[in-house]
Structure formats: C-alpha cells, structure tokens
Amino acid sequence: MIEAEGVCLNYPDGTMALRNVDLHIEPGEMIYITGPSGSGKTSLLKLFIGIEFPTDGKLTVLGQPIIRGQASKIRQMRRSIGPVFQDFRLVNGRTAIENVMLGARFLDMSNKKLKENAVIALKKVGLEKKMFSMVEHLSWGQCQRVAIARAIVRKPRLIIADEPTGNLDKDNAINIMELFASLKEENTTVVITTHATHLINNLREGRLIHIESGIIHQERLD
C-alpha cells in the first residue's frame, strides 16, 4: 500500500521537513499521525498524494513510485485516493450532494448510481437533511463533513485526511473517527493527521505515528 525507505523532504528554503522516514502501511490499516505544528505531518501527506516528491529515499504509494517525471501515472494513482483537505475545496453555488458527486465524477458510473452513492455518503456523515443546501450556507463543521463524504463516495483504496475532526464538536468528531475506522471492513487504508489525541485514546485499534522535527516514532494501539 505505502512503502517508504529513508525518505527525506527538504524544501527550497532549506527547511528539512522529513528525515529518513521508514514506513510500511498495509491495506486496511488505520494510521493516526500526530505532532506539533511544523513537525512534518502535512508534508508527509503531500508526499503520499504526490504533491511533493522525496529529495532522498524511495516512496511507493499504491504501487506507484512517487518520483518526478511520472505526472500522468501519479494522476491515475490519485483516482484511488480520497483526500480530505483542511480548506475543504468545495464548490460554492453547488449543493452538498452536488459537491459529493463531483468527488466521483471520473468514475465509470451512471448519474443515478452516483447520486445514490452520494446520498449514502452524506447519511454516513450525518448530513442527509442538508444534502440540498448550498455549501456556502453550511457551517464550518458541516462543510467539513461534506468534504469527508466526497472522499468516501468514490470508495477509494486509500483515504488521506488532514485534520478531519478539527472544529467538530466531540460527538461528531467521535462519529467521524468511528466512520473512518469502519472502512477497514472494505480494506480501505486511512491515514489521518490530528491534534485530537484524546479521541485516539478512545479507539481500540490502529497505529499511532508521532512526528517530531521530521522524525517519526510509531506505536500500535491494538
């Protein structure tokens, strides 16, 4: 699923974001990435999505080497990834369900089936009563859940989520964490960055990756 060997990431300004990362992530694993701001959490996610490239070491995601010069293959790889960004990237002037459907527009699926799947995804995140609301009229937390529904509607092999429970109340945050954990039954790998370590403490399985100054430390929860 994800293989990293001695991966380093240095930015042009000289910042070393990641140092000698060795990581093996299996299909169906639940991975929680914690660490202070600026520790390298988001940089690691950018590598997994192919937005950034290692400056040293080897990284393979879903069988695709993350290296420069393979843009078309990396774009194809991303079709199997459900991303949840901190800025949501929703389209104003569209309803919640339309935004969710946009997340799977490239799939070989009829519009009717796509809409059915979008309804199911919105129900999973507790937004079935807001599916026809314009996203600009939704609260921050509701927009966050639309973004999560958009990621899961495509039934990806890998979900990459950057702080998906930020600004959610405790009950909704727990529900979202449990939803991600349930995707293990579909053999979906989930990688989440979070500051909400109190939520992780309530979960029974998965793996915690803590990053400090670009160096990772790992421990299993199960």
Foldseek 3Di string as FASTA:
>chain_A
DKFWAQFWDADPVGQTQAGGDGDDDFQLFEEEEEEDPSLNQVVVLCQQLLVDDTPDTWMAHPNRTNDPPPVVVSVVVCLQEQEQDPVLPFDFPAFLLVRLLVLQVVDPDDPVVSSVLSCVLCVLLPNNVRRRPGPVPDDPLSSLSSSVSSRPSSVHQEYEYEASCPPPPPVSSLSVVVSVSVCSVVSRYYYYYHNPVVSVVPDQWHKYWYGGNNYTDIDIRD
